[in-house]
Amino acid sequence: MKKAPHLYPILVLEDDLEVAAKLLQAFHRMEPYLAPFDLDVTLLSTCDSVQRLVNEVSDRHYDVIVLDRDCKAAGSFHILDFDRFGKENIISISSTPEWNRSAQASGIRHIIPKSFNQLDKFASDVAERVLELLKSK
């Protein structure tokens, strides 16, 4: 029987599927640098899902959270309980400077502004930051 790998749980809160796909591709390219560890990625696209599946589940844990601001339900991913999951583990990725400033004012240290004109570079930058955060654990 194959031994279960150690998994790093990652939460991606992103409502744009093209952006989510680019992030997942970048994580795929980054994952070999974590060997023998693997990623366990959860992707949510609405703030309602964050409330029901993350905030309300007491034993939920993520090593890194990639956080956009706007969600498909016309709400905000900033509904996430920042304190519970550790602001040092959250990367704010809004394309709107105001939302990144709001996240920073809430204590989030990692800000990587989303650029729809350079999605590949943006996704690569996010994956590099995720890798740095995971390697520091």
N, C-alpha and C. Protein backbone atom coordinates (compact mmCIF):
# COMPACT_ATOMS: atom_id res chain seq x y z
N MET A 1 0.84 -1.18 0.00
CA MET A 1 0.00 0.00 0.00
C MET A 1 0.89 1.24 0.00
N LYS A 2 0.53 2.18 -0.83
CA LYS A 2 1.28 3.44 -0.95
C LYS A 2 1.08 4.29 0.29
N LYS A 3 2.17 4.83 0.80
CA LYS A 3 2.11 5.72 1.97
C LYS A 3 1.47 7.05 1.56
N ALA A 4 0.55 7.53 2.39
CA ALA A 4 -0.10 8.82 2.11
C ALA A 4 0.91 9.95 2.23
N PRO A 5 0.92 10.86 1.26
CA PRO A 5 1.87 11.97 1.32
C PRO A 5 1.43 13.01 2.35
N HIS A 6 2.39 13.81 2.78
CA HIS A 6 2.04 14.95 3.61
C HIS A 6 1.46 16.01 2.67
N LEU A 7 0.34 16.56 3.06
CA LEU A 7 -0.34 17.54 2.21
C LEU A 7 -0.34 18.91 2.85
N TYR A 8 -0.08 19.91 2.04
CA TYR A 8 -0.23 21.30 2.44
C TYR A 8 -1.60 21.77 1.97
N PRO A 9 -2.55 22.03 2.88
CA PRO A 9 -3.85 22.53 2.45
C PRO A 9 -3.78 24.01 2.07
N ILE A 10 -4.26 24.31 0.87
CA ILE A 10 -4.28 25.66 0.32
C ILE A 10 -5.73 26.00 -0.01
N LEU A 11 -6.17 27.19 0.38
CA LEU A 11 -7.51 27.66 0.04
C LEU A 11 -7.37 28.82 -0.94
N VAL A 12 -8.06 28.72 -2.06
CA VAL A 12 -8.08 29.78 -3.07
C VAL A 12 -9.50 30.33 -3.13
N LEU A 13 -9.63 31.60 -2.83
CA LEU A 13 -10.92 32.28 -2.88
C LEU A 13 -10.89 33.23 -4.08
N GLU A 14 -11.44 32.75 -5.19
CA GLU A 14 -11.35 33.46 -6.47
C GLU A 14 -12.60 33.15 -7.28
N ASP A 15 -13.26 34.19 -7.80
CA ASP A 15 -14.49 33.99 -8.55
C ASP A 15 -14.29 33.94 -10.06
N ASP A 16 -13.15 34.32 -10.56
CA ASP A 16 -12.88 34.32 -11.99
C ASP A 16 -12.19 33.00 -12.35
N LEU A 17 -12.87 32.18 -13.15
CA LEU A 17 -12.33 30.86 -13.45
C LEU A 17 -11.06 30.89 -14.29
N GLU A 18 -10.89 31.91 -15.12
CA GLU A 18 -9.63 32.01 -15.87
C GLU A 18 -8.47 32.27 -14.92
N VAL A 19 -8.68 33.17 -13.95
CA VAL A 19 -7.64 33.44 -12.96
C VAL A 19 -7.37 32.19 -12.13
N ALA A 20 -8.43 31.52 -11.71
CA ALA A 20 -8.27 30.30 -10.92
C ALA A 20 -7.47 29.25 -11.69
N ALA A 21 -7.77 29.10 -12.98
CA ALA A 21 -7.03 28.14 -13.81
C ALA A 21 -5.55 28.49 -13.88
N LYS A 22 -5.25 29.77 -14.06
CA LYS A 22 -3.85 30.20 -14.12
C LYS A 22 -3.14 29.92 -12.79
N LEU A 23 -3.83 30.18 -11.68
CA LEU A 23 -3.25 29.91 -10.37
C LEU A 23 -2.98 28.41 -10.20
N LEU A 24 -3.94 27.59 -10.58
CA LEU A 24 -3.76 26.14 -10.46
C LEU A 24 -2.61 25.65 -11.33
N GLN A 25 -2.47 26.18 -12.53
CA GLN A 25 -1.34 25.82 -13.39
C GLN A 25 -0.02 26.21 -12.74
N ALA A 26 0.03 27.40 -12.16
CA ALA A 26 1.26 27.85 -11.50
C ALA A 26 1.57 26.99 -10.28
N PHE A 27 0.54 26.59 -9.53
CA PHE A 27 0.76 25.70 -8.38
C PHE A 27 1.28 24.35 -8.86
N HIS A 28 0.75 23.87 -9.97
CA HIS A 28 1.21 22.60 -10.55
C HIS A 28 2.71 22.66 -10.88
N ARG A 29 3.14 23.78 -11.47
CA ARG A 29 4.56 23.93 -11.81
C ARG A 29 5.43 24.07 -10.56
N MET A 30 4.85 24.60 -9.49
CA MET A 30 5.61 24.83 -8.26
C MET A 30 5.67 23.58 -7.38
N GLU A 31 4.69 22.71 -7.49
CA GLU A 31 4.57 21.57 -6.58
C GLU A 31 5.81 20.66 -6.51
N PRO A 32 6.53 20.40 -7.61
CA PRO A 32 7.72 19.56 -7.49
C PRO A 32 8.78 20.11 -6.51
N TYR A 33 8.79 21.41 -6.30
CA TYR A 33 9.75 22.02 -5.38
C TYR A 33 9.40 21.73 -3.92
N LEU A 34 8.23 21.14 -3.69
CA LEU A 34 7.80 20.78 -2.34
C LEU A 34 8.03 19.31 -2.02
N ALA A 35 8.44 18.52 -3.02
CA ALA A 35 8.58 17.08 -2.83
C ALA A 35 9.40 16.78 -1.58
N PRO A 36 8.98 15.81 -0.81
CA PRO A 36 7.95 14.80 -1.08
C PRO A 36 6.54 15.23 -0.66
N PHE A 37 6.32 16.49 -0.42
CA PHE A 37 5.00 16.99 -0.02
C PHE A 37 4.17 17.32 -1.25
N ASP A 38 2.86 17.34 -1.06
CA ASP A 38 1.92 17.66 -2.13
C ASP A 38 0.96 18.75 -1.67
N LEU A 39 0.27 19.35 -2.62
CA LEU A 39 -0.74 20.37 -2.31
C LEU A 39 -2.13 19.74 -2.29
N ASP A 40 -2.95 20.24 -1.40
CA ASP A 40 -4.37 19.90 -1.33
C ASP A 40 -5.10 21.22 -1.49
N VAL A 41 -5.54 21.52 -2.73
CA VAL A 41 -6.10 22.83 -3.04
C VAL A 41 -7.63 22.79 -3.02
N THR A 42 -8.20 23.74 -2.29
CA THR A 42 -9.65 23.96 -2.27
C THR A 42 -9.90 25.30 -2.94
N LEU A 43 -10.82 25.31 -3.91
CA LEU A 43 -11.18 26.53 -4.63
C LEU A 43 -12.65 26.82 -4.35
N LEU A 44 -12.93 28.03 -3.86
CA LEU A 44 -14.30 28.47 -3.63
C LEU A 44 -14.53 29.77 -4.39
N SER A 45 -15.76 29.93 -4.91
CA SER A 45 -16.04 31.11 -5.72
C SER A 45 -17.13 32.01 -5.14
N THR A 46 -17.68 31.67 -3.96
CA THR A 46 -18.69 32.54 -3.35
C THR A 46 -18.41 32.71 -1.85
N CYS A 47 -18.82 33.86 -1.36
CA CYS A 47 -18.66 34.13 0.07
C CYS A 47 -19.58 33.24 0.90
N ASP A 48 -20.73 32.83 0.35
CA ASP A 48 -21.62 31.91 1.06
C ASP A 48 -20.90 30.59 1.34
N SER A 49 -20.16 30.10 0.35
CA SER A 49 -19.39 28.86 0.54
C SER A 49 -18.32 29.04 1.61
N VAL A 50 -17.69 30.20 1.63
CA VAL A 50 -16.68 30.47 2.65
C VAL A 50 -17.31 30.41 4.03
N GLN A 51 -18.47 31.01 4.17
CA GLN A 51 -19.13 31.01 5.48
C GLN A 51 -19.49 29.59 5.91
N ARG A 52 -20.14 28.82 5.02
CA ARG A 52 -20.62 27.48 5.36
C ARG A 52 -19.51 26.44 5.46
N LEU A 53 -18.55 26.49 4.54
CA LEU A 53 -17.56 25.42 4.44
C LEU A 53 -16.23 25.71 5.12
N VAL A 54 -16.02 26.96 5.48
CA VAL A 54 -14.74 27.33 6.09
C VAL A 54 -14.95 27.93 7.48
N ASN A 55 -15.60 29.07 7.54
CA ASN A 55 -15.77 29.76 8.83
C ASN A 55 -16.54 28.92 9.85
N GLU A 56 -17.56 28.20 9.40
CA GLU A 56 -18.41 27.46 10.33
C GLU A 56 -17.90 26.06 10.66
N VAL A 57 -16.80 25.65 10.08
CA VAL A 57 -16.22 24.33 10.35
C VAL A 57 -15.02 24.53 11.27
N SER A 58 -15.19 24.17 12.52
CA SER A 58 -14.21 24.53 13.55
C SER A 58 -12.84 23.87 13.37
N ASP A 59 -12.77 22.71 12.74
CA ASP A 59 -11.48 22.04 12.62
C ASP A 59 -10.80 22.29 11.27
N ARG A 60 -11.34 23.19 10.47
CA ARG A 60 -10.78 23.50 9.15
C ARG A 60 -9.44 24.22 9.33
N HIS A 61 -8.44 23.81 8.56
CA HIS A 61 -7.11 24.42 8.62
C HIS A 61 -6.57 24.57 7.20
N TYR A 62 -5.90 25.69 6.96
CA TYR A 62 -5.21 25.91 5.69
C TYR A 62 -3.84 26.50 5.99
N ASP A 63 -2.83 26.00 5.29
CA ASP A 63 -1.48 26.54 5.47
C ASP A 63 -1.32 27.89 4.78
N VAL A 64 -2.00 28.08 3.65
CA VAL A 64 -1.97 29.34 2.92
C VAL A 64 -3.35 29.58 2.33
N ILE A 65 -3.76 30.84 2.34
CA ILE A 65 -5.04 31.24 1.74
C ILE A 65 -4.75 32.35 0.72
N VAL A 66 -5.22 32.14 -0.51
CA VAL A 66 -5.11 33.13 -1.58
C VAL A 66 -6.48 33.78 -1.69
N LEU A 67 -6.53 35.09 -1.45
CA LEU A 67 -7.78 35.79 -1.19
C LEU A 67 -8.04 36.92 -2.18
N ASP A 68 -9.04 36.72 -3.05
CA ASP A 68 -9.56 37.83 -3.83
C ASP A 68 -10.56 38.55 -2.93
N ARG A 69 -11.16 39.61 -3.39
CA ARG A 69 -12.14 40.32 -2.56
C ARG A 69 -13.57 40.04 -3.02
N ASP A 70 -13.85 40.27 -4.30
CA ASP A 70 -15.22 40.11 -4.80
C ASP A 70 -15.51 38.64 -5.12
N CYS A 71 -16.76 38.23 -4.88
CA CYS A 71 -17.15 36.85 -5.17
C CYS A 71 -18.31 36.82 -6.16
N LYS A 72 -18.62 35.63 -6.68
CA LYS A 72 -19.69 35.48 -7.68
C LYS A 72 -21.06 35.82 -7.14
N ALA A 73 -21.23 35.80 -5.82
CA ALA A 73 -22.54 36.09 -5.21
C ALA A 73 -22.69 37.57 -4.89
N ALA A 74 -21.87 38.41 -5.53
CA ALA A 74 -21.89 39.86 -5.32
C ALA A 74 -21.59 40.24 -3.88
N GLY A 75 -20.81 39.41 -3.22
CA GLY A 75 -20.38 39.68 -1.85
C GLY A 75 -18.88 39.82 -1.78
N SER A 76 -18.35 39.59 -0.58
CA SER A 76 -16.92 39.78 -0.35
C SER A 76 -16.32 38.55 0.31
N PHE A 77 -15.19 38.10 -0.24
CA PHE A 77 -14.43 37.03 0.40
C PHE A 77 -13.81 37.49 1.72
N HIS A 78 -13.85 38.78 1.98
CA HIS A 78 -13.32 39.30 3.24
C HIS A 78 -14.19 38.89 4.42
N ILE A 79 -15.22 38.09 4.16
CA ILE A 79 -16.02 37.47 5.22
C ILE A 79 -15.19 36.40 5.95
N LEU A 80 -14.12 35.95 5.33
CA LEU A 80 -13.23 34.96 5.94
C LEU A 80 -12.76 35.45 7.30
N ASP A 81 -12.71 34.57 8.27
CA ASP A 81 -12.23 34.89 9.61
C ASP A 81 -10.69 34.97 9.58
N PHE A 82 -10.18 36.17 9.28
CA PHE A 82 -8.73 36.37 9.14
C PHE A 82 -7.96 35.94 10.38
N ASP A 83 -8.46 36.30 11.54
CA ASP A 83 -7.74 35.99 12.79
C ASP A 83 -7.60 34.49 13.01
N ARG A 84 -8.64 33.76 12.73
CA ARG A 84 -8.62 32.31 12.95
C ARG A 84 -7.59 31.61 12.08
N PHE A 85 -7.44 32.07 10.84
CA PHE A 85 -6.56 31.38 9.91
C PHE A 85 -5.15 31.98 9.86
N GLY A 86 -4.93 33.06 10.56
CA GLY A 86 -3.61 33.66 10.61
C GLY A 86 -3.36 34.60 9.45
N LYS A 87 -3.34 35.87 9.74
CA LYS A 87 -3.15 36.88 8.69
C LYS A 87 -1.83 36.71 7.97
N GLU A 88 -0.85 36.12 8.65
CA GLU A 88 0.46 35.89 8.04
C GLU A 88 0.40 34.80 6.96
N ASN A 89 -0.71 34.04 6.90
CA ASN A 89 -0.88 32.96 5.93
C ASN A 89 -1.77 33.35 4.76
N ILE A 90 -2.19 34.60 4.70
CA ILE A 90 -3.13 35.05 3.68
C ILE A 90 -2.42 35.95 2.67
N ILE A 91 -2.70 35.72 1.39
CA ILE A 91 -2.18 36.55 0.30
C ILE A 91 -3.37 37.23 -0.36
N SER A 92 -3.44 38.54 -0.30
CA SER A 92 -4.50 39.31 -0.95
C SER A 92 -4.14 39.51 -2.41
N ILE A 93 -5.10 39.21 -3.31
CA ILE A 93 -4.81 39.25 -4.75
C ILE A 93 -5.81 40.08 -5.54
N SER A 94 -6.46 41.02 -4.94
CA SER A 94 -7.45 41.81 -5.68
C SER A 94 -6.79 42.63 -6.78
N SER A 95 -7.53 42.85 -7.85
CA SER A 95 -7.06 43.76 -8.90
C SER A 95 -7.38 45.21 -8.55
N THR A 96 -8.19 45.41 -7.52
CA THR A 96 -8.61 46.75 -7.09
C THR A 96 -7.73 47.20 -5.92
N PRO A 97 -6.94 48.24 -6.10
CA PRO A 97 -6.04 48.68 -5.03
C PRO A 97 -6.75 48.93 -3.70
N GLU A 98 -7.96 49.46 -3.74
CA GLU A 98 -8.71 49.74 -2.51
C GLU A 98 -8.91 48.48 -1.68
N TRP A 99 -9.19 47.34 -2.33
CA TRP A 99 -9.44 46.10 -1.58
C TRP A 99 -8.15 45.53 -1.01
N ASN A 100 -7.04 45.69 -1.72
CA ASN A 100 -5.75 45.26 -1.17
C ASN A 100 -5.36 46.14 0.02
N ARG A 101 -5.64 47.45 -0.09
CA ARG A 101 -5.36 48.34 1.05
C ARG A 101 -6.23 47.98 2.25
N SER A 102 -7.48 47.62 2.00
CA SER A 102 -8.38 47.20 3.07
C SER A 102 -7.85 45.93 3.74
N ALA A 103 -7.39 44.97 2.95
CA ALA A 103 -6.82 43.74 3.50
C ALA A 103 -5.58 44.07 4.32
N GLN A 104 -4.73 44.94 3.80
CA GLN A 104 -3.52 45.33 4.50
C GLN A 104 -3.86 46.03 5.81
N ALA A 105 -4.87 46.89 5.81
CA ALA A 105 -5.30 47.57 7.03
C ALA A 105 -5.83 46.58 8.06
N SER A 106 -6.31 45.43 7.58
CA SER A 106 -6.79 44.37 8.49
C SER A 106 -5.65 43.52 9.03
N GLY A 107 -4.42 43.77 8.56
CA GLY A 107 -3.27 43.04 9.07
C GLY A 107 -2.68 42.02 8.12
N ILE A 108 -3.20 41.93 6.92
CA ILE A 108 -2.64 40.99 5.94
C ILE A 108 -1.36 41.61 5.37
N ARG A 109 -0.28 40.83 5.42
CA ARG A 109 1.03 41.34 5.02
C ARG A 109 1.39 41.08 3.57
N HIS A 110 0.81 40.04 3.00
CA HIS A 110 1.18 39.62 1.65
C HIS A 110 0.14 40.13 0.65
N ILE A 111 0.58 41.02 -0.23
CA ILE A 111 -0.29 41.62 -1.23
C ILE A 111 0.36 41.43 -2.61
N ILE A 112 -0.37 40.78 -3.51
CA ILE A 112 0.09 40.64 -4.89
C ILE A 112 -1.08 41.07 -5.78
N PRO A 113 -1.05 42.31 -6.26
CA PRO A 113 -2.17 42.81 -7.08
C PRO A 113 -2.36 41.98 -8.35
N LYS A 114 -3.58 41.62 -8.61
CA LYS A 114 -3.92 40.85 -9.81
C LYS A 114 -3.84 41.76 -11.03
N SER A 115 -3.21 41.26 -12.08
CA SER A 115 -3.13 41.98 -13.34
C SER A 115 -3.74 41.11 -14.42
N PHE A 116 -4.90 41.53 -14.94
CA PHE A 116 -5.54 40.77 -16.00
C PHE A 116 -4.75 40.85 -17.31
N ASN A 117 -3.88 41.85 -17.44
CA ASN A 117 -3.04 41.98 -18.63
C ASN A 117 -1.84 41.05 -18.60
N GLN A 118 -1.47 40.60 -17.40
CA GLN A 118 -0.31 39.72 -17.24
C GLN A 118 -0.66 38.58 -16.27
N LEU A 119 -1.69 37.80 -16.62
CA LEU A 119 -2.16 36.76 -15.72
C LEU A 119 -1.11 35.69 -15.44
N ASP A 120 -0.32 35.32 -16.45
CA ASP A 120 0.70 34.30 -16.23
C ASP A 120 1.74 34.77 -15.22
N LYS A 121 2.21 35.99 -15.36
CA LYS A 121 3.20 36.52 -14.42
C LYS A 121 2.58 36.66 -13.03
N PHE A 122 1.36 37.16 -12.96
CA PHE A 122 0.66 37.28 -11.68
C PHE A 122 0.57 35.92 -11.00
N ALA A 123 0.10 34.90 -11.73
CA ALA A 123 -0.05 33.57 -11.15
C ALA A 123 1.29 33.01 -10.70
N SER A 124 2.33 33.24 -11.48
CA SER A 124 3.67 32.79 -11.11
C SER A 124 4.15 33.49 -9.83
N ASP A 125 3.89 34.78 -9.71
CA ASP A 125 4.26 35.53 -8.50
C ASP A 125 3.53 34.99 -7.27
N VAL A 126 2.24 34.67 -7.44
CA VAL A 126 1.48 34.12 -6.32
C VAL A 126 2.04 32.76 -5.93
N ALA A 127 2.32 31.91 -6.91
CA ALA A 127 2.87 30.57 -6.62
C ALA A 127 4.22 30.68 -5.91
N GLU A 128 5.05 31.63 -6.33
CA GLU A 128 6.34 31.82 -5.64
C GLU A 128 6.14 32.21 -4.18
N ARG A 129 5.18 33.09 -3.91
CA ARG A 129 4.90 33.50 -2.53
C ARG A 129 4.34 32.33 -1.72
N VAL A 130 3.47 31.55 -2.34
CA VAL A 130 2.93 30.36 -1.66
C VAL A 130 4.08 29.41 -1.31
N LEU A 131 4.97 29.19 -2.25
CA LEU A 131 6.12 28.32 -2.00
C LEU A 131 6.97 28.84 -0.83
N GLU A 132 7.24 30.14 -0.81
CA GLU A 132 8.00 30.74 0.29
C GLU A 132 7.31 30.51 1.62
N LEU A 133 6.01 30.75 1.66
CA LEU A 133 5.26 30.56 2.91
C LEU A 133 5.27 29.12 3.37
N LEU A 134 5.10 28.19 2.44
CA LEU A 134 5.10 26.77 2.80
C LEU A 134 6.47 26.31 3.27
N LYS A 135 7.52 26.76 2.62
CA LYS A 135 8.86 26.35 3.02
C LYS A 135 9.26 26.92 4.37
N SER A 136 8.58 28.00 4.79
CA SER A 136 8.90 28.58 6.10
C SER A 136 8.19 27.87 7.23
N LYS A 137 7.33 26.92 6.92
CA LYS A 137 6.56 26.20 7.96
C LYS A 137 7.34 25.05 8.52
